[in-house]
């Protein structure tokens, strides 16, 4: 499947974060109105975290939100480098989303065990309402890196030999991340070369995310 992409530039990371915050709230209202629930997959990274901080100041029907993570580092649950801990500190612990509806990846158990257990969570979730993703300088997204080969039929992957520390991680697969009603890439920082490669249709991990909907790339680089 070929990506249909909407490119949306912003002048600053703060404007980018504000736009992402608005998009998340709008998607939540739409999903809760239609189905009574909102299933959101979070990304790590500077701009998404800024958006989460903004969300912490907003009013929403938090009881209907279900939170998932696109990837996680195989570190202790209290490590500052965990995506889940940052999201909790900046947002999730400050609003009334039930703890049973925050689905963290058990990456502290190791890549294989964590991936296996989270695959059951992803399968139970079904179609997500909104997936947020970032992009690295090498075109990676979540913990799907260039040159890594995974079984495309799986919902999650145990990741080893990450080019960025730590070496071991757990990631949702391209298949799982594409199973969504709405998908937004949030890109900031020194990513001009990777964006240009993407726009020129080079084979990068970001190009393997192909939902049935259009892909929105919101960026400030």
N, C-alpha and C. Protein backbone atom coordinates (compact mmCIF):
# COMPACT_ATOMS: atom_id res chain seq x y z
N UNK A 1 0.85 -1.20 0.00
CA UNK A 1 0.00 0.00 0.00
C UNK A 1 0.88 1.25 0.00
N UNK A 2 0.54 2.21 -0.81
CA UNK A 2 1.31 3.45 -0.91
C UNK A 2 0.78 4.49 0.08
N UNK A 3 1.69 5.21 0.70
CA UNK A 3 1.28 6.26 1.62
C UNK A 3 0.68 7.45 0.85
N UNK A 4 -0.46 7.95 1.34
CA UNK A 4 -0.99 9.23 0.91
C UNK A 4 -0.66 10.21 2.02
N UNK A 5 0.18 11.20 1.73
CA UNK A 5 0.77 12.03 2.78
C UNK A 5 0.35 13.49 2.64
N UNK A 6 -0.02 14.08 3.77
CA UNK A 6 -0.25 15.53 3.88
C UNK A 6 0.92 16.11 4.67
N UNK A 7 1.71 16.98 4.05
CA UNK A 7 2.86 17.62 4.71
C UNK A 7 2.42 18.96 5.29
N UNK A 8 2.64 19.14 6.60
CA UNK A 8 2.16 20.35 7.27
C UNK A 8 3.29 20.98 8.09
N UNK A 9 3.96 22.02 7.54
CA UNK A 9 5.07 22.65 8.26
C UNK A 9 4.60 23.64 9.32
N UNK A 10 5.42 23.80 10.35
CA UNK A 10 5.17 24.78 11.41
C UNK A 10 6.46 25.57 11.65
N UNK A 11 6.29 26.81 12.08
CA UNK A 11 7.44 27.69 12.24
C UNK A 11 8.25 27.42 13.50
N UNK A 12 7.65 26.76 14.48
CA UNK A 12 8.37 26.49 15.73
C UNK A 12 7.85 25.20 16.35
N UNK A 13 8.66 24.65 17.25
CA UNK A 13 8.25 23.43 17.92
C UNK A 13 7.05 23.68 18.84
N UNK A 14 6.94 24.89 19.38
CA UNK A 14 5.80 25.21 20.24
C UNK A 14 4.50 25.22 19.43
N UNK A 15 4.54 25.80 18.23
CA UNK A 15 3.36 25.78 17.36
C UNK A 15 3.01 24.35 16.95
N UNK A 16 4.04 23.56 16.70
CA UNK A 16 3.84 22.16 16.35
C UNK A 16 3.15 21.42 17.49
N UNK A 17 3.65 21.59 18.70
CA UNK A 17 3.06 20.91 19.86
C UNK A 17 1.61 21.33 20.08
N UNK A 18 1.33 22.61 19.91
CA UNK A 18 -0.05 23.10 20.07
C UNK A 18 -0.97 22.46 19.04
N UNK A 19 -0.49 22.33 17.81
CA UNK A 19 -1.30 21.71 16.76
C UNK A 19 -1.55 20.23 17.07
N UNK A 20 -0.54 19.54 17.56
CA UNK A 20 -0.69 18.13 17.91
C UNK A 20 -1.70 17.98 19.05
N UNK A 21 -1.61 18.83 20.05
CA UNK A 21 -2.56 18.81 21.16
C UNK A 21 -3.98 18.97 20.65
N UNK A 22 -4.20 19.93 19.77
CA UNK A 22 -5.54 20.16 19.22
C UNK A 22 -6.02 18.95 18.44
N UNK A 23 -5.14 18.35 17.66
CA UNK A 23 -5.52 17.20 16.87
C UNK A 23 -5.90 16.00 17.76
N UNK A 24 -5.16 15.80 18.83
CA UNK A 24 -5.48 14.70 19.75
C UNK A 24 -6.85 14.91 20.38
N UNK A 25 -7.12 16.12 20.86
CA UNK A 25 -8.40 16.40 21.49
C UNK A 25 -9.55 16.26 20.51
N UNK A 26 -9.35 16.70 19.27
CA UNK A 26 -10.39 16.58 18.26
C UNK A 26 -10.66 15.12 17.93
N UNK A 27 -9.60 14.32 17.82
CA UNK A 27 -9.77 12.90 17.54
C UNK A 27 -10.49 12.20 18.69
N UNK A 28 -10.17 12.62 19.93
CA UNK A 28 -10.84 12.03 21.09
C UNK A 28 -12.32 12.34 21.08
N UNK A 29 -12.68 13.58 20.83
CA UNK A 29 -14.10 13.96 20.78
C UNK A 29 -14.84 13.17 19.72
N UNK A 30 -14.23 13.04 18.55
CA UNK A 30 -14.85 12.31 17.45
C UNK A 30 -15.04 10.83 17.79
N UNK A 31 -14.03 10.22 18.34
CA UNK A 31 -14.08 8.80 18.65
C UNK A 31 -15.05 8.49 19.78
N UNK A 32 -15.01 9.32 20.83
CA UNK A 32 -15.91 9.09 21.95
C UNK A 32 -17.35 9.32 21.52
N UNK A 33 -17.57 10.32 20.69
CA UNK A 33 -18.91 10.56 20.19
C UNK A 33 -19.45 9.41 19.35
N UNK A 34 -18.56 8.78 18.58
CA UNK A 34 -18.98 7.71 17.68
C UNK A 34 -19.02 6.34 18.34
N UNK A 35 -18.05 6.06 19.24
CA UNK A 35 -17.89 4.71 19.76
C UNK A 35 -17.80 4.63 21.27
N UNK A 36 -17.77 5.77 21.95
CA UNK A 36 -17.74 5.77 23.40
C UNK A 36 -16.37 5.50 24.00
N UNK A 37 -15.34 5.49 23.16
CA UNK A 37 -13.99 5.23 23.65
C UNK A 37 -12.97 5.87 22.71
N UNK A 38 -11.76 6.09 23.20
CA UNK A 38 -10.69 6.68 22.40
C UNK A 38 -9.41 5.92 22.67
N UNK A 39 -8.87 5.28 21.64
CA UNK A 39 -7.66 4.46 21.76
C UNK A 39 -6.51 5.18 21.05
N UNK A 40 -5.54 5.62 21.85
CA UNK A 40 -4.44 6.47 21.38
C UNK A 40 -3.11 5.79 21.60
N UNK A 41 -2.28 5.77 20.56
CA UNK A 41 -0.91 5.26 20.66
C UNK A 41 0.05 6.44 20.74
N UNK A 42 0.88 6.45 21.77
CA UNK A 42 1.80 7.57 22.01
C UNK A 42 3.16 7.34 21.36
N UNK A 43 3.79 8.46 21.00
CA UNK A 43 5.17 8.47 20.54
C UNK A 43 6.03 9.14 21.61
N UNK A 44 7.32 8.80 21.62
CA UNK A 44 8.26 9.54 22.44
C UNK A 44 8.79 10.73 21.64
N UNK A 45 9.68 11.50 22.26
CA UNK A 45 10.29 12.61 21.54
C UNK A 45 9.88 13.96 22.09
N UNK A 46 10.66 14.98 21.76
CA UNK A 46 10.50 16.31 22.33
C UNK A 46 9.16 16.93 22.02
N UNK A 47 8.78 16.98 20.75
CA UNK A 47 7.53 17.64 20.38
C UNK A 47 6.30 16.90 20.92
N UNK A 48 6.23 15.56 20.80
CA UNK A 48 5.09 14.89 21.42
C UNK A 48 4.98 15.15 22.92
N UNK A 49 6.10 15.14 23.61
CA UNK A 49 6.05 15.37 25.06
C UNK A 49 5.55 16.78 25.36
N UNK A 50 5.94 17.76 24.55
CA UNK A 50 5.40 19.11 24.72
C UNK A 50 3.88 19.11 24.54
N UNK A 51 3.39 18.33 23.59
CA UNK A 51 1.95 18.22 23.39
C UNK A 51 1.27 17.57 24.59
N UNK A 52 1.93 16.56 25.18
CA UNK A 52 1.37 15.90 26.37
C UNK A 52 1.28 16.88 27.54
N UNK A 53 2.28 17.72 27.67
CA UNK A 53 2.24 18.72 28.74
C UNK A 53 1.06 19.67 28.55
N UNK A 54 0.77 20.02 27.32
CA UNK A 54 -0.40 20.86 27.05
C UNK A 54 -1.69 20.12 27.37
N UNK A 55 -1.76 18.84 27.03
CA UNK A 55 -2.95 18.05 27.32
C UNK A 55 -3.26 18.02 28.81
N UNK A 56 -2.20 18.02 29.62
CA UNK A 56 -2.39 17.97 31.07
C UNK A 56 -3.14 19.18 31.60
N UNK A 57 -3.20 20.27 30.83
CA UNK A 57 -3.88 21.49 31.25
C UNK A 57 -5.31 21.58 30.70
N UNK A 58 -5.73 20.58 29.91
CA UNK A 58 -7.02 20.64 29.23
C UNK A 58 -8.08 19.82 29.97
N UNK A 59 -9.32 20.12 29.64
CA UNK A 59 -10.44 19.32 30.14
C UNK A 59 -10.87 18.36 29.04
N UNK A 60 -11.05 17.11 29.40
CA UNK A 60 -11.49 16.10 28.44
C UNK A 60 -12.21 14.99 29.20
N UNK A 61 -12.90 14.14 28.47
CA UNK A 61 -13.59 13.01 29.08
C UNK A 61 -12.58 11.88 29.27
N UNK A 62 -11.66 12.09 30.21
CA UNK A 62 -10.52 11.19 30.37
C UNK A 62 -10.93 9.75 30.65
N UNK A 63 -12.08 9.55 31.24
CA UNK A 63 -12.50 8.19 31.60
C UNK A 63 -12.68 7.29 30.38
N UNK A 64 -12.77 7.88 29.20
CA UNK A 64 -13.00 7.11 27.97
C UNK A 64 -11.70 6.87 27.19
N UNK A 65 -10.59 7.38 27.69
CA UNK A 65 -9.31 7.28 26.96
C UNK A 65 -8.59 5.97 27.30
N UNK A 66 -8.00 5.35 26.29
CA UNK A 66 -7.13 4.19 26.46
C UNK A 66 -5.79 4.52 25.82
N UNK A 67 -4.71 4.34 26.57
CA UNK A 67 -3.38 4.77 26.14
C UNK A 67 -2.48 3.57 25.87
N UNK A 68 -1.81 3.60 24.74
CA UNK A 68 -0.84 2.58 24.34
C UNK A 68 0.47 3.27 23.95
N UNK A 69 1.52 2.47 23.81
CA UNK A 69 2.82 3.02 23.42
C UNK A 69 3.31 2.31 22.16
N UNK A 70 3.86 3.11 21.23
CA UNK A 70 4.38 2.53 19.99
C UNK A 70 5.64 1.72 20.21
N UNK A 71 6.45 2.12 21.20
CA UNK A 71 7.66 1.36 21.50
C UNK A 71 8.13 1.70 22.90
N UNK A 72 9.07 0.90 23.38
CA UNK A 72 9.62 1.13 24.71
C UNK A 72 11.02 0.56 24.79
N UNK A 73 11.84 1.19 25.61
CA UNK A 73 13.20 0.73 25.86
C UNK A 73 13.19 -0.33 26.96
N UNK A 74 14.06 -1.33 26.84
CA UNK A 74 14.14 -2.38 27.84
C UNK A 74 14.97 -1.89 29.02
N UNK A 75 14.32 -1.13 29.87
CA UNK A 75 14.92 -0.51 31.04
C UNK A 75 13.97 -0.69 32.23
N UNK A 76 14.45 -0.51 33.46
CA UNK A 76 13.55 -0.57 34.61
C UNK A 76 12.41 0.44 34.48
N UNK A 77 11.28 0.14 35.09
CA UNK A 77 10.09 0.98 34.93
C UNK A 77 10.29 2.38 35.47
N UNK A 78 11.26 2.57 36.36
CA UNK A 78 11.50 3.90 36.94
C UNK A 78 12.67 4.62 36.28
N UNK A 79 13.14 4.12 35.14
CA UNK A 79 14.25 4.76 34.44
C UNK A 79 13.73 5.98 33.68
N UNK A 80 14.47 7.08 33.78
CA UNK A 80 14.04 8.34 33.16
C UNK A 80 13.96 8.26 31.64
N UNK A 81 14.61 7.25 31.04
CA UNK A 81 14.60 7.10 29.58
C UNK A 81 13.39 6.31 29.07
N UNK A 82 12.56 5.83 29.98
CA UNK A 82 11.36 5.09 29.56
C UNK A 82 10.33 6.06 28.99
N UNK A 83 9.78 5.75 27.82
CA UNK A 83 8.71 6.56 27.25
C UNK A 83 7.51 6.62 28.19
N UNK A 84 7.18 5.48 28.81
CA UNK A 84 6.02 5.43 29.69
C UNK A 84 6.18 6.34 30.89
N UNK A 85 7.38 6.39 31.48
CA UNK A 85 7.59 7.22 32.66
C UNK A 85 7.47 8.70 32.31
N UNK A 86 8.05 9.11 31.19
CA UNK A 86 7.96 10.51 30.77
C UNK A 86 6.50 10.90 30.53
N UNK A 87 5.74 10.05 29.85
CA UNK A 87 4.33 10.34 29.60
C UNK A 87 3.55 10.45 30.90
N UNK A 88 3.87 9.58 31.85
CA UNK A 88 3.18 9.63 33.14
C UNK A 88 3.50 10.92 33.89
N UNK A 89 4.78 11.28 33.93
CA UNK A 89 5.19 12.45 34.69
C UNK A 89 4.66 13.75 34.09
N UNK A 90 4.63 13.84 32.79
CA UNK A 90 4.26 15.08 32.11
C UNK A 90 2.75 15.21 31.90
N UNK A 91 2.01 14.08 31.95
CA UNK A 91 0.60 14.14 31.58
C UNK A 91 -0.28 13.13 32.31
N UNK A 92 0.00 11.85 32.14
CA UNK A 92 -0.96 10.83 32.52
C UNK A 92 -1.25 10.80 34.02
N UNK A 93 -0.24 11.09 34.85
CA UNK A 93 -0.47 11.12 36.29
C UNK A 93 -1.23 12.37 36.74
N UNK A 94 -1.42 13.31 35.83
CA UNK A 94 -2.05 14.59 36.17
C UNK A 94 -3.50 14.68 35.73
N UNK A 95 -4.01 13.64 35.07
CA UNK A 95 -5.39 13.63 34.62
C UNK A 95 -6.05 12.33 35.06
N UNK A 96 -7.37 12.23 34.84
CA UNK A 96 -8.15 11.14 35.43
C UNK A 96 -8.37 9.96 34.49
N UNK A 97 -7.36 9.61 33.70
CA UNK A 97 -7.46 8.39 32.91
C UNK A 97 -7.28 7.20 33.87
N UNK A 98 -8.24 6.27 33.90
CA UNK A 98 -8.07 5.12 34.80
C UNK A 98 -6.77 4.37 34.53
N UNK A 99 -6.08 3.98 35.60
CA UNK A 99 -4.79 3.31 35.44
C UNK A 99 -4.92 2.02 34.64
N UNK A 100 -6.07 1.35 34.75
CA UNK A 100 -6.28 0.11 34.00
C UNK A 100 -6.41 0.35 32.50
N UNK A 101 -6.54 1.62 32.11
CA UNK A 101 -6.65 1.96 30.69
C UNK A 101 -5.36 2.55 30.13
N UNK A 102 -4.31 2.49 30.92
CA UNK A 102 -2.98 2.90 30.46
C UNK A 102 -2.16 1.62 30.28
N UNK A 103 -1.89 1.30 29.05
CA UNK A 103 -1.31 0.00 28.70
C UNK A 103 0.18 0.16 28.37
N UNK A 104 1.01 0.09 29.40
CA UNK A 104 2.45 0.22 29.20
C UNK A 104 3.05 -1.08 28.66
N UNK A 105 4.11 -0.95 27.88
CA UNK A 105 4.82 -2.13 27.36
C UNK A 105 5.72 -2.68 28.47
N UNK A 106 5.60 -3.97 28.80
CA UNK A 106 6.44 -4.53 29.87
C UNK A 106 7.85 -4.84 29.41
N UNK A 107 8.52 -3.83 28.88
CA UNK A 107 9.86 -4.02 28.30
C UNK A 107 10.90 -4.33 29.37
N UNK A 108 10.60 -4.03 30.63
CA UNK A 108 11.53 -4.36 31.70
C UNK A 108 11.73 -5.87 31.84
N UNK A 109 10.84 -6.65 31.24
CA UNK A 109 10.93 -8.12 31.29
C UNK A 109 11.88 -8.66 30.22
N UNK A 110 12.40 -7.79 29.37
CA UNK A 110 13.23 -8.21 28.25
C UNK A 110 12.47 -8.10 26.95
N UNK A 111 13.21 -8.03 25.86
CA UNK A 111 12.59 -7.75 24.56
C UNK A 111 11.62 -8.85 24.13
N UNK A 112 12.04 -10.12 24.25
CA UNK A 112 11.16 -11.20 23.78
C UNK A 112 9.89 -11.33 24.61
N UNK A 113 10.05 -11.35 25.93
CA UNK A 113 8.88 -11.50 26.80
C UNK A 113 7.98 -10.28 26.70
N UNK A 114 8.59 -9.10 26.68
CA UNK A 114 7.80 -7.88 26.58
C UNK A 114 7.01 -7.82 25.29
N UNK A 115 7.65 -8.19 24.19
CA UNK A 115 6.96 -8.17 22.89
C UNK A 115 5.82 -9.17 22.86
N UNK A 116 6.06 -10.36 23.40
CA UNK A 116 5.02 -11.39 23.40
C UNK A 116 3.81 -10.96 24.22
N UNK A 117 4.07 -10.40 25.40
CA UNK A 117 2.94 -9.99 26.25
C UNK A 117 2.19 -8.80 25.64
N UNK A 118 2.93 -7.87 25.03
CA UNK A 118 2.25 -6.69 24.48
C UNK A 118 1.50 -7.02 23.20
N UNK A 119 1.90 -8.06 22.50
CA UNK A 119 1.16 -8.48 21.32
C UNK A 119 -0.28 -8.82 21.68
N UNK A 120 -0.50 -9.41 22.84
CA UNK A 120 -1.86 -9.73 23.28
C UNK A 120 -2.66 -8.46 23.54
N UNK A 121 -2.01 -7.45 24.09
CA UNK A 121 -2.66 -6.16 24.36
C UNK A 121 -3.06 -5.49 23.05
N UNK A 122 -2.13 -5.50 22.09
CA UNK A 122 -2.39 -4.89 20.78
C UNK A 122 -3.52 -5.62 20.06
N UNK A 123 -3.51 -6.94 20.13
CA UNK A 123 -4.57 -7.72 19.49
C UNK A 123 -5.93 -7.39 20.10
N UNK A 124 -5.97 -7.26 21.42
CA UNK A 124 -7.23 -6.95 22.09
C UNK A 124 -7.72 -5.55 21.76
N UNK A 125 -6.80 -4.63 21.49
CA UNK A 125 -7.18 -3.25 21.18
C UNK A 125 -7.90 -3.15 19.85
N UNK A 126 -7.51 -3.98 18.88
CA UNK A 126 -8.12 -3.88 17.55
C UNK A 126 -7.65 -2.63 16.83
N UNK A 127 -8.57 -1.94 16.21
CA UNK A 127 -8.23 -0.74 15.45
C UNK A 127 -8.04 0.44 16.41
N UNK A 128 -6.91 1.12 16.28
CA UNK A 128 -6.69 2.32 17.09
C UNK A 128 -7.43 3.50 16.46
N UNK A 129 -7.70 4.50 17.29
CA UNK A 129 -8.34 5.73 16.78
C UNK A 129 -7.30 6.73 16.28
N UNK A 130 -6.17 6.82 16.96
CA UNK A 130 -5.10 7.73 16.55
C UNK A 130 -3.76 7.15 16.96
N UNK A 131 -2.84 7.11 16.01
CA UNK A 131 -1.46 6.71 16.28
C UNK A 131 -0.56 7.91 16.06
N UNK A 132 0.27 8.21 17.06
CA UNK A 132 1.29 9.25 16.94
C UNK A 132 2.64 8.57 16.74
N UNK A 133 3.43 9.10 15.83
CA UNK A 133 4.76 8.58 15.58
C UNK A 133 5.74 9.73 15.39
N UNK A 134 6.99 9.48 15.72
CA UNK A 134 8.05 10.41 15.43
C UNK A 134 8.91 9.86 14.31
N UNK A 135 10.00 10.54 14.02
CA UNK A 135 10.96 10.06 13.03
C UNK A 135 12.37 10.47 13.46
N UNK A 136 13.32 9.53 13.36
CA UNK A 136 14.71 9.84 13.67
C UNK A 136 15.46 10.36 12.46
N UNK A 137 16.69 10.78 12.69
CA UNK A 137 17.52 11.30 11.61
C UNK A 137 17.78 10.26 10.52
N UNK A 138 17.67 8.97 10.88
CA UNK A 138 17.90 7.89 9.92
C UNK A 138 16.61 7.37 9.31
N UNK A 139 15.51 8.04 9.60
CA UNK A 139 14.22 7.60 9.06
C UNK A 139 13.54 6.52 9.87
N UNK A 140 14.07 6.22 11.06
CA UNK A 140 13.39 5.20 11.88
C UNK A 140 12.15 5.81 12.53
N UNK A 141 11.23 4.94 12.90
CA UNK A 141 10.05 5.36 13.65
C UNK A 141 9.70 4.29 14.66
N UNK A 142 9.11 4.69 15.81
CA UNK A 142 9.00 3.79 16.96
C UNK A 142 10.41 3.19 17.15
N UNK A 143 10.54 1.86 17.26
CA UNK A 143 11.88 1.26 17.28
C UNK A 143 12.06 0.35 16.07
N UNK A 144 11.58 0.84 14.93
CA UNK A 144 11.76 0.17 13.64
C UNK A 144 12.89 0.88 12.92
N UNK A 145 14.05 0.22 12.84
CA UNK A 145 15.27 0.87 12.35
C UNK A 145 15.65 0.38 10.96
N UNK A 146 16.36 1.22 10.20
CA UNK A 146 16.85 0.79 8.88
C UNK A 146 17.74 -0.45 9.01
N UNK A 147 17.56 -1.37 8.09
CA UNK A 147 18.39 -2.57 8.08
C UNK A 147 17.91 -3.69 8.97
N UNK A 148 16.96 -3.43 9.86
CA UNK A 148 16.43 -4.48 10.71
C UNK A 148 15.31 -5.21 9.97
N UNK A 149 15.30 -6.52 10.08
CA UNK A 149 14.29 -7.34 9.40
C UNK A 149 13.41 -8.00 10.45
N UNK A 150 12.10 -7.84 10.29
CA UNK A 150 11.14 -8.44 11.22
C UNK A 150 10.06 -9.17 10.44
N UNK A 151 9.40 -10.10 11.10
CA UNK A 151 8.25 -10.78 10.51
C UNK A 151 7.11 -9.79 10.39
N UNK A 152 6.71 -9.49 9.17
CA UNK A 152 5.70 -8.45 8.93
C UNK A 152 4.31 -8.85 9.42
N UNK A 153 4.11 -10.13 9.71
CA UNK A 153 2.80 -10.58 10.19
C UNK A 153 2.62 -10.37 11.69
N UNK A 154 3.72 -10.07 12.40
CA UNK A 154 3.64 -9.91 13.85
C UNK A 154 3.06 -8.54 14.21
N UNK A 155 2.50 -8.47 15.42
CA UNK A 155 1.97 -7.20 15.93
C UNK A 155 3.02 -6.42 16.71
N UNK A 156 3.98 -7.12 17.27
CA UNK A 156 5.06 -6.49 18.03
C UNK A 156 6.38 -7.16 17.67
N UNK A 157 7.47 -6.45 17.91
CA UNK A 157 8.80 -7.00 17.63
C UNK A 157 9.70 -6.86 18.84
N UNK A 158 10.48 -7.89 19.10
CA UNK A 158 11.61 -7.77 20.00
C UNK A 158 12.76 -7.18 19.19
N UNK A 159 13.29 -6.06 19.64
CA UNK A 159 14.33 -5.35 18.89
C UNK A 159 15.66 -5.47 19.62
N UNK A 160 16.68 -5.90 18.89
CA UNK A 160 18.04 -5.99 19.43
C UNK A 160 18.98 -5.17 18.54
N UNK A 161 20.12 -4.81 19.10
CA UNK A 161 21.16 -4.09 18.35
C UNK A 161 20.63 -2.77 17.79
N UNK A 162 19.86 -2.07 18.61
CA UNK A 162 19.41 -0.74 18.21
C UNK A 162 20.62 0.16 17.97
N UNK A 163 20.62 0.96 16.90
CA UNK A 163 21.74 1.88 16.68
C UNK A 163 21.80 3.01 17.71
N UNK A 164 20.70 3.16 18.46
CA UNK A 164 20.68 4.14 19.55
C UNK A 164 20.47 3.36 20.85
N UNK A 165 21.19 3.71 21.93
CA UNK A 165 21.02 2.99 23.19
C UNK A 165 19.65 3.26 23.79
N UNK A 166 19.13 2.29 24.56
CA UNK A 166 19.71 0.96 24.81
C UNK A 166 19.52 0.02 23.62
N UNK A 167 20.31 -1.03 23.61
CA UNK A 167 20.31 -1.94 22.47
C UNK A 167 19.00 -2.69 22.31
N UNK A 168 18.37 -3.05 23.44
CA UNK A 168 17.16 -3.87 23.41
C UNK A 168 15.91 -3.02 23.62
N UNK A 169 14.90 -3.30 22.81
CA UNK A 169 13.65 -2.55 22.86
C UNK A 169 12.49 -3.45 22.47
N UNK A 170 11.29 -2.94 22.66
CA UNK A 170 10.07 -3.57 22.15
C UNK A 170 9.36 -2.53 21.30
N UNK A 171 8.88 -2.94 20.14
CA UNK A 171 8.19 -2.01 19.25
C UNK A 171 6.93 -2.64 18.69
N UNK A 172 5.89 -1.84 18.53
CA UNK A 172 4.79 -2.28 17.69
C UNK A 172 5.32 -2.41 16.27
N UNK A 173 4.72 -3.30 15.51
CA UNK A 173 5.12 -3.52 14.13
C UNK A 173 4.50 -2.47 13.22
N UNK A 174 5.01 -2.39 11.99
CA UNK A 174 4.41 -1.50 11.00
C UNK A 174 2.95 -1.88 10.76
N UNK A 175 2.69 -3.17 10.77
CA UNK A 175 1.30 -3.64 10.60
C UNK A 175 0.39 -3.10 11.70
N UNK A 176 0.82 -3.20 12.96
CA UNK A 176 -0.01 -2.75 14.08
C UNK A 176 -0.17 -1.24 14.07
N UNK A 177 0.93 -0.52 13.80
CA UNK A 177 0.87 0.94 13.80
C UNK A 177 0.02 1.48 12.65
N UNK A 178 -0.12 0.69 11.60
CA UNK A 178 -0.94 1.10 10.45
C UNK A 178 -2.43 0.82 10.67
N UNK A 179 -2.75 0.08 11.71
CA UNK A 179 -4.14 -0.32 11.95
C UNK A 179 -4.86 0.75 12.77
N UNK A 180 -5.11 1.88 12.13
CA UNK A 180 -5.64 3.04 12.84
C UNK A 180 -6.53 3.87 11.94
N UNK A 181 -7.45 4.59 12.55
CA UNK A 181 -8.33 5.47 11.81
C UNK A 181 -7.66 6.79 11.44
N UNK A 182 -6.61 7.16 12.19
CA UNK A 182 -5.91 8.42 11.95
C UNK A 182 -4.46 8.25 12.37
N UNK A 183 -3.53 8.81 11.60
CA UNK A 183 -2.12 8.66 11.92
C UNK A 183 -1.40 9.98 11.69
N UNK A 184 -0.63 10.40 12.71
CA UNK A 184 0.11 11.66 12.64
C UNK A 184 1.57 11.41 12.98
N UNK A 185 2.45 11.79 12.07
CA UNK A 185 3.88 11.86 12.38
C UNK A 185 4.16 13.26 12.93
N UNK A 186 4.94 13.30 14.01
CA UNK A 186 5.32 14.56 14.65
C UNK A 186 6.84 14.65 14.56
N UNK A 187 7.34 15.56 13.74
CA UNK A 187 8.77 15.58 13.42
C UNK A 187 9.36 16.95 13.74
N UNK A 188 10.41 16.97 14.54
CA UNK A 188 11.09 18.23 14.87
C UNK A 188 12.58 17.97 14.99
N UNK A 189 13.35 19.05 15.00
CA UNK A 189 14.80 18.92 15.15
C UNK A 189 15.50 18.81 13.81
N UNK A 190 16.70 18.24 13.83
CA UNK A 190 17.57 18.20 12.65
C UNK A 190 17.19 17.01 11.77
N UNK A 191 16.07 17.11 11.08
CA UNK A 191 15.53 16.00 10.30
C UNK A 191 15.34 16.35 8.82
N UNK A 192 15.96 17.43 8.37
CA UNK A 192 15.71 17.88 6.99
C UNK A 192 16.11 16.82 5.96
N UNK A 193 17.26 16.18 6.19
CA UNK A 193 17.72 15.18 5.23
C UNK A 193 16.77 13.98 5.20
N UNK A 194 16.33 13.55 6.37
CA UNK A 194 15.41 12.40 6.42
C UNK A 194 14.07 12.75 5.79
N UNK A 195 13.59 13.97 6.03
CA UNK A 195 12.34 14.40 5.40
C UNK A 195 12.47 14.43 3.88
N UNK A 196 13.60 14.93 3.39
CA UNK A 196 13.82 14.98 1.95
C UNK A 196 13.88 13.57 1.36
N UNK A 197 14.53 12.66 2.06
CA UNK A 197 14.59 11.28 1.59
C UNK A 197 13.20 10.65 1.55
N UNK A 198 12.40 10.95 2.55
CA UNK A 198 11.02 10.46 2.61
C UNK A 198 10.21 11.03 1.44
N UNK A 199 10.32 12.32 1.25
CA UNK A 199 9.58 12.96 0.16
C UNK A 199 10.02 12.45 -1.21
N UNK A 200 11.26 11.98 -1.30
CA UNK A 200 11.77 11.40 -2.55
C UNK A 200 11.51 9.90 -2.64
N UNK A 201 10.69 9.40 -1.69
CA UNK A 201 10.22 8.01 -1.72
C UNK A 201 11.35 6.99 -1.58
N UNK A 202 12.39 7.35 -0.82
CA UNK A 202 13.41 6.37 -0.50
C UNK A 202 12.85 5.36 0.51
N UNK A 203 13.43 4.17 0.53
CA UNK A 203 12.94 3.10 1.39
C UNK A 203 13.44 3.31 2.82
N UNK A 204 12.59 3.88 3.66
CA UNK A 204 12.88 4.15 5.06
C UNK A 204 11.81 3.46 5.91
N UNK A 205 12.11 3.19 7.20
CA UNK A 205 11.08 2.59 8.05
C UNK A 205 9.78 3.39 8.08
N UNK A 206 9.86 4.72 8.02
CA UNK A 206 8.63 5.53 8.06
C UNK A 206 7.72 5.23 6.87
N UNK A 207 8.30 4.81 5.74
CA UNK A 207 7.48 4.55 4.55
C UNK A 207 6.71 3.24 4.64
N UNK A 208 7.03 2.43 5.64
CA UNK A 208 6.36 1.14 5.80
C UNK A 208 5.07 1.28 6.61
N UNK A 209 4.81 2.45 7.16
CA UNK A 209 3.57 2.70 7.90
C UNK A 209 2.53 3.16 6.90
N UNK A 210 1.60 2.30 6.58
CA UNK A 210 0.64 2.58 5.50
C UNK A 210 -0.78 2.29 5.95
N UNK A 211 -1.39 3.19 6.70
CA UNK A 211 -2.78 3.00 7.10
C UNK A 211 -3.72 3.22 5.92
N UNK A 212 -4.96 2.81 6.09
CA UNK A 212 -5.96 3.04 5.06
C UNK A 212 -6.26 4.53 4.91
N UNK A 213 -6.07 5.29 5.99
CA UNK A 213 -6.28 6.74 5.95
C UNK A 213 -5.03 7.43 5.42
N UNK A 214 -5.14 8.72 5.17
CA UNK A 214 -3.96 9.51 4.80
C UNK A 214 -3.05 9.66 6.03
N UNK A 215 -1.77 9.86 5.76
CA UNK A 215 -0.78 10.10 6.81
C UNK A 215 -0.53 11.61 6.87
N UNK A 216 -0.68 12.19 8.05
CA UNK A 216 -0.38 13.60 8.25
C UNK A 216 1.02 13.73 8.87
N UNK A 217 1.90 14.47 8.20
CA UNK A 217 3.24 14.72 8.75
C UNK A 217 3.30 16.17 9.17
N UNK A 218 3.30 16.40 10.48
CA UNK A 218 3.40 17.74 11.06
C UNK A 218 4.85 17.94 11.47
N UNK A 219 5.50 18.98 10.95
CA UNK A 219 6.94 19.07 11.19
C UNK A 219 7.40 20.51 11.40
N UNK A 220 8.48 20.62 12.18
CA UNK A 220 9.19 21.88 12.38
C UNK A 220 10.66 21.51 12.44
N UNK A 221 11.39 21.75 11.33
CA UNK A 221 12.80 21.33 11.26
C UNK A 221 13.68 22.47 10.76
